């Protein structure tokens, strides 16, 4: 874990001593609470088919993050549809080699 800088230490100290005050209005707080509830509600069940390899990879990633794999899948999907996760730009496909280059392992000149 990275060390805290002087500003972070100052903010943490102010928080711990009760010196920080919220600047959010009651209307804003109500809006934030409503949004949090709507995001947290999981009211639909979805069944999907995926390759065993992809599922195993997801389970490993979830284990690394200390999450159930279903939670990780739901989180990734939520981030994607909310625009916080996007597809990588496609790289140009590799240039096909000739049959002789594939057999010898050398590229065409």
PDB file of N, CA and C in Angstrom:
ATOM      1  N   UNK A   1       0.846  -1.165   0.000  1.00  0.00           N
ATOM      2  CA  UNK A   1       0.000   0.000   0.000  1.00  0.00           C
ATOM      3  C   UNK A   1       0.900   1.239   0.000  1.00  0.00           C
ATOM      4  N   UNK A   2       0.614   2.230  -0.881  1.00  0.00           N
ATOM      5  CA  UNK A   2       1.458   3.413  -0.940  1.00  0.00           C
ATOM      6  C   UNK A   2       1.325   4.258   0.331  1.00  0.00           C
ATOM      7  N   UNK A   3       2.399   4.956   0.664  1.00  0.00           N
ATOM      8  CA  UNK A   3       2.384   5.814   1.851  1.00  0.00           C
ATOM      9  C   UNK A   3       1.542   7.053   1.577  1.00  0.00           C
ATOM     10  N   UNK A   4       0.933   7.584   2.630  1.00  0.00           N
ATOM     11  CA  UNK A   4       0.129   8.789   2.514  1.00  0.00           C
ATOM     12  C   UNK A   4       1.040  10.002   2.436  1.00  0.00           C
ATOM     13  N   UNK A   5       0.622  10.987   1.598  1.00  0.00           N
ATOM     14  CA  UNK A   5       1.388  12.231   1.567  1.00  0.00           C
ATOM     15  C   UNK A   5       0.856  13.168   2.662  1.00  0.00           C
ATOM     16  N   UNK A   6       1.475  14.335   2.810  1.00  0.00           N
ATOM     17  CA  UNK A   6       1.125  15.264   3.892  1.00  0.00           C
ATOM     18  C   UNK A   6      -0.334  15.690   3.824  1.00  0.00           C
ATOM     19  N   UNK A   7      -0.848  15.944   2.610  1.00  0.00           N
ATOM     20  CA  UNK A   7      -2.237  16.370   2.458  1.00  0.00           C
ATOM     21  C   UNK A   7      -3.201  15.270   2.914  1.00  0.00           C
ATOM     22  N   UNK A   8      -2.922  14.033   2.510  1.00  0.00           N
ATOM     23  CA  UNK A   8      -3.786  12.919   2.905  1.00  0.00           C
ATOM     24  C   UNK A   8      -3.792  12.738   4.426  1.00  0.00           C
ATOM     25  N   UNK A   9      -2.631  12.888   5.054  1.00  0.00           N
ATOM     26  CA  UNK A   9      -2.533  12.777   6.511  1.00  0.00           C
ATOM     27  C   UNK A   9      -3.355  13.880   7.163  1.00  0.00           C
ATOM     28  N   UNK A  10      -3.280  15.101   6.612  1.00  0.00           N
ATOM     29  CA  UNK A  10      -4.035  16.235   7.152  1.00  0.00           C
ATOM     30  C   UNK A  10      -5.543  15.997   7.048  1.00  0.00           C
ATOM     31  N   UNK A  11      -6.002  15.511   5.898  1.00  0.00           N
ATOM     32  CA  UNK A  11      -7.431  15.241   5.700  1.00  0.00           C
ATOM     33  C   UNK A  11      -7.893  14.137   6.645  1.00  0.00           C
ATOM     34  N   UNK A  12      -7.122  13.070   6.761  1.00  0.00           N
ATOM     35  CA  UNK A  12      -7.475  11.969   7.652  1.00  0.00           C
ATOM     36  C   UNK A  12      -7.567  12.446   9.101  1.00  0.00           C
ATOM     37  N   UNK A  13      -6.621  13.262   9.507  1.00  0.00           N
ATOM     38  CA  UNK A  13      -6.630  13.795  10.865  1.00  0.00           C
ATOM     39  C   UNK A  13      -7.868  14.658  11.109  1.00  0.00           C
ATOM     40  N   UNK A  14      -8.196  15.518  10.145  1.00  0.00           N
ATOM     41  CA  UNK A  14      -9.384  16.368  10.274  1.00  0.00           C
ATOM     42  C   UNK A  14     -10.641  15.510  10.366  1.00  0.00           C
ATOM     43  N   UNK A  15     -10.706  14.448   9.557  1.00  0.00           N
ATOM     44  CA  UNK A  15     -11.866  13.550   9.597  1.00  0.00           C
ATOM     45  C   UNK A  15     -11.983  12.872  10.957  1.00  0.00           C
ATOM     46  N   UNK A  16     -10.872  12.352  11.440  1.00  0.00           N
ATOM     47  CA  UNK A  16     -10.879  11.634  12.712  1.00  0.00           C
ATOM     48  C   UNK A  16     -11.227  12.539  13.892  1.00  0.00           C
ATOM     49  N   UNK A  17     -10.955  13.834  13.774  1.00  0.00           N
ATOM     50  CA  UNK A  17     -11.270  14.781  14.853  1.00  0.00           C
ATOM     51  C   UNK A  17     -12.625  15.463  14.635  1.00  0.00           C
ATOM     52  N   UNK A  18     -13.393  15.008  13.627  1.00  0.00           N
ATOM     53  CA  UNK A  18     -14.732  15.545  13.394  1.00  0.00           C
ATOM     54  C   UNK A  18     -14.751  16.972  12.895  1.00  0.00           C
ATOM     55  N   UNK A  19     -13.691  17.402  12.222  1.00  0.00           N
ATOM     56  CA  UNK A  19     -13.606  18.779  11.749  1.00  0.00           C
ATOM     57  C   UNK A  19     -14.167  18.977  10.340  1.00  0.00           C
ATOM     58  N   UNK A  20     -14.523  17.898   9.665  1.00  0.00           N
ATOM     59  CA  UNK A  20     -15.041  18.015   8.300  1.00  0.00           C
ATOM     60  C   UNK A  20     -16.567  18.094   8.313  1.00  0.00           C
ATOM     61  N   UNK A  21     -17.110  18.940   7.467  1.00  0.00           N
ATOM     62  CA  UNK A  21     -18.551  19.094   7.353  1.00  0.00           C
ATOM     63  C   UNK A  21     -18.973  18.764   5.920  1.00  0.00           C
ATOM     64  N   UNK A  22     -20.095  18.091   5.780  1.00  0.00           N
ATOM     65  CA  UNK A  22     -20.619  17.768   4.457  1.00  0.00           C
ATOM     66  C   UNK A  22     -21.131  19.039   3.789  1.00  0.00           C
ATOM     67  N   UNK A  23     -20.885  19.159   2.493  1.00  0.00           N
ATOM     68  CA  UNK A  23     -21.394  20.305   1.737  1.00  0.00           C
ATOM     69  C   UNK A  23     -22.621  19.912   0.917  1.00  0.00           C
ATOM     70  N   UNK A  24     -23.013  18.635   0.995  1.00  0.00           N
ATOM     71  CA  UNK A  24     -24.177  18.164   0.248  1.00  0.00           C
ATOM     72  C   UNK A  24     -25.461  18.630   0.930  1.00  0.00           C
ATOM     73  N   UNK A  25     -26.420  19.035   0.101  1.00  0.00           N
ATOM     74  CA  UNK A  25     -27.723  19.437   0.635  1.00  0.00           C
ATOM     75  C   UNK A  25     -28.547  18.188   0.910  1.00  0.00           C
ATOM     76  N   UNK A  26     -29.650  18.343   1.630  1.00  0.00           N
ATOM     77  CA  UNK A  26     -30.530  17.210   1.913  1.00  0.00           C
ATOM     78  C   UNK A  26     -31.079  16.625   0.621  1.00  0.00           C
ATOM     79  N   UNK A  27     -31.364  17.476  -0.357  1.00  0.00           N
ATOM     80  CA  UNK A  27     -31.875  17.005  -1.654  1.00  0.00           C
ATOM     81  C   UNK A  27     -30.810  16.162  -2.357  1.00  0.00           C
ATOM     82  N   UNK A  28     -29.567  16.640  -2.344  1.00  0.00           N
ATOM     83  CA  UNK A  28     -28.477  15.890  -2.973  1.00  0.00           C
ATOM     84  C   UNK A  28     -28.261  14.554  -2.270  1.00  0.00           C
ATOM     85  N   UNK A  29     -28.276  14.556  -0.945  1.00  0.00           N
ATOM     86  CA  UNK A  29     -28.100  13.312  -0.196  1.00  0.00           C
ATOM     87  C   UNK A  29     -29.201  12.314  -0.523  1.00  0.00           C
ATOM     88  N   UNK A  30     -30.432  12.800  -0.609  1.00  0.00           N
ATOM     89  CA  UNK A  30     -31.552  11.914  -0.956  1.00  0.00           C
ATOM     90  C   UNK A  30     -31.365  11.328  -2.346  1.00  0.00           C
ATOM     91  N   UNK A  31     -30.896  12.163  -3.273  1.00  0.00           N
ATOM     92  CA  UNK A  31     -30.650  11.697  -4.638  1.00  0.00           C
ATOM     93  C   UNK A  31     -29.556  10.632  -4.658  1.00  0.00           C
ATOM     94  N   UNK A  32     -28.471  10.860  -3.916  1.00  0.00           N
ATOM     95  CA  UNK A  32     -27.367   9.899  -3.858  1.00  0.00           C
ATOM     96  C   UNK A  32     -27.809   8.580  -3.227  1.00  0.00           C
ATOM     97  N   UNK A  33     -28.599   8.665  -2.154  1.00  0.00           N
ATOM     98  CA  UNK A  33     -29.102   7.458  -1.500  1.00  0.00           C
ATOM     99  C   UNK A  33     -29.996   6.662  -2.436  1.00  0.00           C
ATOM    100  N   UNK A  34     -30.844   7.355  -3.171  1.00  0.00           N
ATOM    101  CA  UNK A  34     -31.742   6.695  -4.117  1.00  0.00           C
ATOM    102  C   UNK A  34     -30.942   5.992  -5.222  1.00  0.00           C
ATOM    103  N   UNK A  35     -29.940   6.680  -5.727  1.00  0.00           N
ATOM    104  CA  UNK A  35     -29.094   6.096  -6.782  1.00  0.00           C
ATOM    105  C   UNK A  35     -28.346   4.876  -6.253  1.00  0.00           C
ATOM    106  N   UNK A  36     -27.843   4.955  -5.025  1.00  0.00           N
ATOM    107  CA  UNK A  36     -27.122   3.822  -4.432  1.00  0.00           C
ATOM    108  C   UNK A  36     -28.047   2.630  -4.257  1.00  0.00           C
ATOM    109  N   UNK A  37     -29.274   2.888  -3.783  1.00  0.00           N
ATOM    110  CA  UNK A  37     -30.234   1.786  -3.623  1.00  0.00           C
ATOM    111  C   UNK A  37     -30.563   1.145  -4.962  1.00  0.00           C
ATOM    112  N   UNK A  38     -30.801   1.974  -5.969  1.00  0.00           N
ATOM    113  CA  UNK A  38     -31.154   1.452  -7.296  1.00  0.00           C
ATOM    114  C   UNK A  38     -30.019   0.633  -7.886  1.00  0.00           C
ATOM    115  N   UNK A  39     -28.785   1.045  -7.618  1.00  0.00           N
ATOM    116  CA  UNK A  39     -27.627   0.322  -8.131  1.00  0.00           C
ATOM    117  C   UNK A  39     -27.443  -1.001  -7.407  1.00  0.00           C
ATOM    118  N   UNK A  40     -27.721  -1.016  -6.121  1.00  0.00           N
ATOM    119  CA  UNK A  40     -27.482  -2.208  -5.305  1.00  0.00           C
ATOM    120  C   UNK A  40     -28.564  -3.267  -5.460  1.00  0.00           C
ATOM    121  N   UNK A  41     -29.744  -2.876  -5.930  1.00  0.00           N
ATOM    122  CA  UNK A  41     -30.845  -3.829  -6.039  1.00  0.00           C
ATOM    123  C   UNK A  41     -30.587  -4.786  -7.204  1.00  0.00           C
ATOM    124  N   UNK A  42     -30.589  -6.040  -6.881  1.00  0.00           N
ATOM    125  CA  UNK A  42     -30.422  -7.063  -7.913  1.00  0.00           C
ATOM    126  C   UNK A  42     -31.730  -7.828  -7.988  1.00  0.00           C
ATOM    127  N   UNK A  43     -32.598  -7.352  -8.857  1.00  0.00           N
ATOM    128  CA  UNK A  43     -33.950  -7.894  -8.897  1.00  0.00           C
ATOM    129  C   UNK A  43     -34.204  -8.824 -10.084  1.00  0.00           C
ATOM    130  N   UNK A  44     -33.183  -9.086 -10.889  1.00  0.00           N
ATOM    131  CA  UNK A  44     -33.368  -9.969 -12.042  1.00  0.00           C
ATOM    132  C   UNK A  44     -32.276 -11.021 -12.069  1.00  0.00           C
ATOM    133  N   UNK A  45     -32.652 -12.197 -12.516  1.00  0.00           N
ATOM    134  CA  UNK A  45     -31.703 -13.297 -12.660  1.00  0.00           C
ATOM    135  C   UNK A  45     -31.448 -13.507 -14.152  1.00  0.00           C
ATOM    136  N   UNK A  46     -30.191 -13.731 -14.504  1.00  0.00           N
ATOM    137  CA  UNK A  46     -29.813 -13.945 -15.897  1.00  0.00           C
ATOM    138  C   UNK A  46     -28.973 -15.212 -15.963  1.00  0.00           C
ATOM    139  N   UNK A  47     -29.249 -16.035 -16.925  1.00  0.00           N
ATOM    140  CA  UNK A  47     -28.429 -17.227 -17.168  1.00  0.00           C
ATOM    141  C   UNK A  47     -27.701 -17.028 -18.490  1.00  0.00           C
ATOM    142  N   UNK A  48     -26.401 -17.257 -18.489  1.00  0.00           N
ATOM    143  CA  UNK A  48     -25.625 -17.130 -19.723  1.00  0.00           C
ATOM    144  C   UNK A  48     -24.770 -18.379 -19.904  1.00  0.00           C
ATOM    145  N   UNK A  49     -24.436 -18.643 -21.136  1.00  0.00           N
ATOM    146  CA  UNK A  49     -23.515 -19.729 -21.446  1.00  0.00           C
ATOM    147  C   UNK A  49     -22.188 -19.099 -21.826  1.00  0.00           C
ATOM    148  N   UNK A  50     -21.115 -19.661 -21.290  1.00  0.00           N
ATOM    149  CA  UNK A  50     -19.776 -19.181 -21.621  1.00  0.00           C
ATOM    150  C   UNK A  50     -18.819 -20.358 -21.625  1.00  0.00           C
ATOM    151  N   UNK A  51     -17.663 -20.136 -22.224  1.00  0.00           N
ATOM    152  CA  UNK A  51     -16.685 -21.226 -22.282  1.00  0.00           C
ATOM    153  C   UNK A  51     -16.142 -21.513 -20.888  1.00  0.00           C
ATOM    154  N   UNK A  52     -15.763 -22.763 -20.687  1.00  0.00           N
ATOM    155  CA  UNK A  52     -15.188 -23.164 -19.393  1.00  0.00           C
ATOM    156  C   UNK A  52     -13.936 -22.360 -19.087  1.00  0.00           C
ATOM    157  N   UNK A  53     -13.136 -22.093 -20.115  1.00  0.00           N
ATOM    158  CA  UNK A  53     -11.904 -21.332 -19.920  1.00  0.00           C
ATOM    159  C   UNK A  53     -12.176 -19.913 -19.440  1.00  0.00           C
ATOM    160  N   UNK A  54     -13.176 -19.256 -20.072  1.00  0.00           N
ATOM    161  CA  UNK A  54     -13.522 -17.897 -19.645  1.00  0.00           C
ATOM    162  C   UNK A  54     -14.028 -17.897 -18.205  1.00  0.00           C
ATOM    163  N   UNK A  55     -14.859 -18.870 -17.866  1.00  0.00           N
ATOM    164  CA  UNK A  55     -15.391 -18.939 -16.503  1.00  0.00           C
ATOM    165  C   UNK A  55     -14.262 -19.161 -15.497  1.00  0.00           C
ATOM    166  N   UNK A  56     -13.337 -20.036 -15.826  1.00  0.00           N
ATOM    167  CA  UNK A  56     -12.204 -20.276 -14.924  1.00  0.00           C
ATOM    168  C   UNK A  56     -11.365 -19.013 -14.749  1.00  0.00           C
ATOM    169  N   UNK A  57     -11.133 -18.283 -15.854  1.00  0.00           N
ATOM    170  CA  UNK A  57     -10.365 -17.039 -15.777  1.00  0.00           C
ATOM    171  C   UNK A  57     -11.080 -16.009 -14.906  1.00  0.00           C
ATOM    172  N   UNK A  58     -12.396 -15.914 -15.052  1.00  0.00           N
ATOM    173  CA  UNK A  58     -13.186 -14.984 -14.230  1.00  0.00           C
ATOM    174  C   UNK A  58     -13.111 -15.392 -12.767  1.00  0.00           C
ATOM    175  N   UNK A  59     -13.210 -16.681 -12.486  1.00  0.00           N
ATOM    176  CA  UNK A  59     -13.140 -17.147 -11.107  1.00  0.00           C
ATOM    177  C   UNK A  59     -11.784 -16.833 -10.482  1.00  0.00           C
ATOM    178  N   UNK A  60     -10.716 -16.949 -11.264  1.00  0.00           N
ATOM    179  CA  UNK A  60      -9.377 -16.623 -10.761  1.00  0.00           C
ATOM    180  C   UNK A  60      -9.289 -15.129 -10.455  1.00  0.00           C
ATOM    181  N   UNK A  61      -9.770 -14.287 -11.390  1.00  0.00           N
ATOM    182  CA  UNK A  61      -9.749 -12.832 -11.170  1.00  0.00           C
ATOM    183  C   UNK A  61     -10.568 -12.472  -9.932  1.00  0.00           C
ATOM    184  N   UNK A  62     -11.730 -13.097  -9.771  1.00  0.00           N
ATOM    185  CA  UNK A  62     -12.585 -12.817  -8.619  1.00  0.00           C
ATOM    186  C   UNK A  62     -11.881 -13.216  -7.327  1.00  0.00           C
ATOM    187  N   UNK A  63     -11.227 -14.357  -7.337  1.00  0.00           N
ATOM    188  CA  UNK A  63     -10.493 -14.812  -6.161  1.00  0.00           C
ATOM    189  C   UNK A  63      -9.381 -13.830  -5.803  1.00  0.00           C
ATOM    190  N   UNK A  64      -8.673 -13.319  -6.822  1.00  0.00           N
ATOM    191  CA  UNK A  64      -7.610 -12.346  -6.597  1.00  0.00           C
ATOM    192  C   UNK A  64      -8.158 -11.072  -5.943  1.00  0.00           C
ATOM    193  N   UNK A  65      -9.400 -10.711  -6.303  1.00  0.00           N
ATOM    194  CA  UNK A  65     -10.009  -9.485  -5.769  1.00  0.00           C
ATOM    195  C   UNK A  65     -10.831  -9.739  -4.508  1.00  0.00           C
ATOM    196  N   UNK A  66     -10.952 -11.000  -4.111  1.00  0.00           N
ATOM    197  CA  UNK A  66     -11.707 -11.331  -2.909  1.00  0.00           C
ATOM    198  C   UNK A  66     -13.206 -11.182  -3.089  1.00  0.00           C
ATOM    199  N   UNK A  67     -13.694 -11.456  -4.293  1.00  0.00           N
ATOM    200  CA  UNK A  67     -15.119 -11.327  -4.607  1.00  0.00           C
ATOM    201  C   UNK A  67     -15.686 -12.661  -5.066  1.00  0.00           C
ATOM    202  N   UNK A  68     -16.989 -12.878  -4.875  1.00  0.00           N
ATOM    203  CA  UNK A  68     -17.630 -14.007  -5.554  1.00  0.00           C
ATOM    204  C   UNK A  68     -17.603 -13.738  -7.067  1.00  0.00           C
ATOM    205  N   UNK A  69     -17.432 -14.762  -7.869  1.00  0.00           N
ATOM    206  CA  UNK A  69     -17.296 -14.537  -9.303  1.00  0.00           C
ATOM    207  C   UNK A  69     -18.564 -13.944  -9.923  1.00  0.00           C
ATOM    208  N   UNK A  70     -19.747 -14.269  -9.377  1.00  0.00           N
ATOM    209  CA  UNK A  70     -20.978 -13.682  -9.906  1.00  0.00           C
ATOM    210  C   UNK A  70     -20.986 -12.174  -9.672  1.00  0.00           C
ATOM    211  N   UNK A  71     -20.466 -11.740  -8.535  1.00  0.00           N
ATOM    212  CA  UNK A  71     -20.395 -10.311  -8.231  1.00  0.00           C
ATOM    213  C   UNK A  71     -19.455  -9.616  -9.197  1.00  0.00           C
ATOM    214  N   UNK A  72     -18.321 -10.246  -9.499  1.00  0.00           N
ATOM    215  CA  UNK A  72     -17.379  -9.675 -10.456  1.00  0.00           C
ATOM    216  C   UNK A  72     -18.030  -9.534 -11.830  1.00  0.00           C
ATOM    217  N   UNK A  73     -18.736 -10.556 -12.285  1.00  0.00           N
ATOM    218  CA  UNK A  73     -19.407 -10.499 -13.586  1.00  0.00           C
ATOM    219  C   UNK A  73     -20.422  -9.356 -13.596  1.00  0.00           C
ATOM    220  N   UNK A  74     -21.247  -9.252 -12.551  1.00  0.00           N
ATOM    221  CA  UNK A  74     -22.243  -8.189 -12.476  1.00  0.00           C
ATOM    222  C   UNK A  74     -21.572  -6.815 -12.468  1.00  0.00           C
ATOM    223  N   UNK A  75     -20.453  -6.694 -11.754  1.00  0.00           N
ATOM    224  CA  UNK A  75     -19.740  -5.426 -11.683  1.00  0.00           C
ATOM    225  C   UNK A  75     -19.182  -5.022 -13.040  1.00  0.00           C
ATOM    226  N   UNK A  76     -18.591  -5.957 -13.748  1.00  0.00           N
ATOM    227  CA  UNK A  76     -18.025  -5.673 -15.068  1.00  0.00           C
ATOM    228  C   UNK A  76     -19.141  -5.247 -16.030  1.00  0.00           C
ATOM    229  N   UNK A  77     -20.254  -5.950 -16.003  1.00  0.00           N
ATOM    230  CA  UNK A  77     -21.368  -5.591 -16.878  1.00  0.00           C
ATOM    231  C   UNK A  77     -21.916  -4.214 -16.525  1.00  0.00           C
ATOM    232  N   UNK A  78     -22.043  -3.919 -15.233  1.00  0.00           N
ATOM    233  CA  UNK A  78     -22.535  -2.609 -14.809  1.00  0.00           C
ATOM    234  C   UNK A  78     -21.596  -1.497 -15.269  1.00  0.00           C
ATOM    235  N   UNK A  79     -20.296  -1.693 -15.093  1.00  0.00           N
ATOM    236  CA  UNK A  79     -19.330  -0.684 -15.522  1.00  0.00           C
ATOM    237  C   UNK A  79     -19.404  -0.480 -17.032  1.00  0.00           C
ATOM    238  N   UNK A  80     -19.610  -1.538 -17.785  1.00  0.00           N
ATOM    239  CA  UNK A  80     -19.677  -1.428 -19.239  1.00  0.00           C
ATOM    240  C   UNK A  80     -20.901  -0.622 -19.675  1.00  0.00           C
ATOM    241  N   UNK A  81     -22.059  -0.963 -19.140  1.00  0.00           N
ATOM    242  CA  UNK A  81     -23.279  -0.269 -19.585  1.00  0.00           C
ATOM    243  C   UNK A  81     -23.350   1.164 -19.059  1.00  0.00           C
ATOM    244  N   UNK A  82     -22.641   1.457 -17.968  1.00  0.00           N
ATOM    245  CA  UNK A  82     -22.647   2.819 -17.444  1.00  0.00           C
ATOM    246  C   UNK A  82     -21.532   3.672 -18.057  1.00  0.00           C
ATOM    247  N   UNK A  83     -20.749   3.091 -18.966  1.00  0.00           N
ATOM    248  CA  UNK A  83     -19.722   3.852 -19.678  1.00  0.00           C
ATOM    249  C   UNK A  83     -18.402   3.971 -18.954  1.00  0.00           C
ATOM    250  N   UNK A  84     -18.251   3.293 -17.822  1.00  0.00           N
ATOM    251  CA  UNK A  84     -16.982   3.357 -17.097  1.00  0.00           C
ATOM    252  C   UNK A  84     -16.013   2.271 -17.533  1.00  0.00           C
ATOM    253  N   UNK A  85     -16.433   1.421 -18.438  1.00  0.00           N
ATOM    254  CA  UNK A  85     -15.586   0.363 -18.980  1.00  0.00           C
ATOM    255  C   UNK A  85     -15.855   0.333 -20.475  1.00  0.00           C
ATOM    256  N   UNK A  86     -14.818   0.385 -21.268  1.00  0.00           N
ATOM    257  CA  UNK A  86     -15.022   0.396 -22.712  1.00  0.00           C
ATOM    258  C   UNK A  86     -14.139  -0.641 -23.377  1.00  0.00           C
ATOM    259  N   UNK A  87     -14.483  -0.937 -24.606  1.00  0.00           N
ATOM    260  CA  UNK A  87     -13.709  -1.913 -25.363  1.00  0.00           C
ATOM    261  C   UNK A  87     -12.368  -1.312 -25.752  1.00  0.00           C
ATOM    262  N   UNK A  88     -11.363  -2.154 -25.821  1.00  0.00           N
ATOM    263  CA  UNK A  88     -10.060  -1.696 -26.294  1.00  0.00           C
ATOM    264  C   UNK A  88     -10.151  -1.455 -27.787  1.00  0.00           C
ATOM    265  N   UNK A  89      -9.327  -0.506 -28.264  1.00  0.00           N
ATOM    266  CA  UNK A  89      -9.271  -0.290 -29.697  1.00  0.00           C
ATOM    267  C   UNK A  89      -8.671  -1.518 -30.347  1.00  0.00           C
ATOM    268  N   UNK A  90      -9.270  -1.951 -31.447  1.00  0.00           N
ATOM    269  CA  UNK A  90      -8.776  -3.139 -32.130  1.00  0.00           C
ATOM    270  C   UNK A  90      -7.420  -2.863 -32.755  1.00  0.00           C
ATOM    271  N   UNK A  91      -6.485  -3.768 -32.530  1.00  0.00           N
ATOM    272  CA  UNK A  91      -5.189  -3.662 -33.177  1.00  0.00           C
ATOM    273  C   UNK A  91      -5.308  -4.305 -34.545  1.00  0.00           C
ATOM    274  N   UNK A  92      -4.431  -3.906 -35.458  1.00  0.00           N
ATOM    275  CA  UNK A  92      -4.430  -4.503 -36.789  1.00  0.00           C
ATOM    276  C   UNK A  92      -4.129  -5.993 -36.658  1.00  0.00           C
ATOM    277  N   UNK A  93      -4.857  -6.827 -37.406  1.00  0.00           N
ATOM    278  CA  UNK A  93      -4.599  -8.268 -37.313  1.00  0.00           C
ATOM    279  C   UNK A  93      -3.201  -8.590 -37.818  1.00  0.00           C
ATOM    280  N   UNK A  94      -2.615  -9.682 -37.318  1.00  0.00           N
ATOM    281  CA  UNK A  94      -1.267 -10.044 -37.770  1.00  0.00           C
ATOM    282  C   UNK A  94      -1.265 -10.348 -39.263  1.00  0.00           C
ATOM    283  N   UNK A  95      -0.154 -10.042 -39.895  1.00  0.00           N
ATOM    284  CA  UNK A  95      -0.014 -10.301 -41.325  1.00  0.00           C
ATOM    285  C   UNK A  95       0.190 -11.793 -41.517  1.00  0.00           C
ATOM    286  N   UNK A  96      -0.666 -12.421 -42.355  1.00  0.00           N
ATOM    287  CA  UNK A  96      -0.511 -13.868 -42.559  1.00  0.00           C
ATOM    288  C   UNK A  96       0.814 -14.188 -43.244  1.00  0.00           C
ATOM    289  N   UNK A  97       1.409 -15.286 -42.821  1.00  0.00           N
ATOM    290  CA  UNK A  97       2.655 -15.719 -43.437  1.00  0.00           C
ATOM    291  C   UNK A  97       2.341 -16.771 -44.490  1.00  0.00           C
ATOM    292  N   UNK A  98       3.242 -16.932 -45.433  1.00  0.00           N
ATOM    293  CA  UNK A  98       3.048 -17.942 -46.466  1.00  0.00           C
ATOM    294  C   UNK A  98       3.214 -19.330 -45.862  1.00  0.00           C
ATOM    295  N   UNK A  99       2.768 -20.354 -46.578  1.00  0.00           N
ATOM    296  CA  UNK A  99       2.892 -21.731 -46.087  1.00  0.00           C
ATOM    297  C   UNK A  99       4.352 -22.097 -45.852  1.00  0.00           C
ATOM    298  N   UNK A 100       5.238 -21.671 -46.731  1.00  0.00           N
ATOM    299  CA  UNK A 100       6.657 -22.022 -46.567  1.00  0.00           C
ATOM    300  C   UNK A 100       7.236 -21.338 -45.334  1.00  0.00           C
ATOM    301  N   UNK A 101       6.807 -20.105 -45.058  1.00  0.00           N
ATOM    302  CA  UNK A 101       7.294 -19.400 -43.867  1.00  0.00           C
ATOM    303  C   UNK A 101       6.783 -20.070 -42.611  1.00  0.00           C
ATOM    304  N   UNK A 102       5.529 -20.592 -42.648  1.00  0.00           N
ATOM    305  CA  UNK A 102       4.992 -21.272 -41.473  1.00  0.00           C
ATOM    306  C   UNK A 102       5.779 -22.559 -41.201  1.00  0.00           C
ATOM    307  N   UNK A 103       6.192 -23.259 -42.285  1.00  0.00           N
ATOM    308  CA  UNK A 103       6.921 -24.511 -42.089  1.00  0.00           C
ATOM    309  C   UNK A 103       8.336 -24.248 -41.581  1.00  0.00           C
ATOM    310  N   UNK A 104       8.980 -23.193 -42.085  1.00  0.00           N
ATOM    311  CA  UNK A 104      10.373 -22.941 -41.706  1.00  0.00           C
ATOM    312  C   UNK A 104      10.509 -22.003 -40.527  1.00  0.00           C
ATOM    313  N   UNK A 105       9.428 -21.287 -40.213  1.00  0.00           N
ATOM    314  CA  UNK A 105       9.482 -20.329 -39.117  1.00  0.00           C
ATOM    315  C   UNK A 105      10.100 -19.003 -39.530  1.00  0.00           C
ATOM    316  N   UNK A 106      10.357 -18.793 -40.828  1.00  0.00           N
ATOM    317  CA  UNK A 106      10.937 -17.543 -41.316  1.00  0.00           C
ATOM    318  C   UNK A 106       9.883 -16.751 -42.067  1.00  0.00           C
ATOM    319  N   UNK A 107       9.936 -15.435 -41.939  1.00  0.00           N
ATOM    320  CA  UNK A 107       8.990 -14.550 -42.633  1.00  0.00           C
ATOM    321  C   UNK A 107       9.408 -14.415 -44.096  1.00  0.00           C
ATOM    322  N   UNK A 108       8.424 -14.063 -44.950  1.00  0.00           N
ATOM    323  CA  UNK A 108       8.726 -13.812 -46.358  1.00  0.00           C
ATOM    324  C   UNK A 108       9.559 -12.547 -46.487  1.00  0.00           C
ATOM    325  N   UNK A 109      10.437 -12.522 -47.468  1.00  0.00           N
ATOM    326  CA  UNK A 109      11.254 -11.329 -47.686  1.00  0.00           C
ATOM    327  C   UNK A 109      10.572 -10.389 -48.634  1.00  0.00           C
TER     328      UNK A 109
END
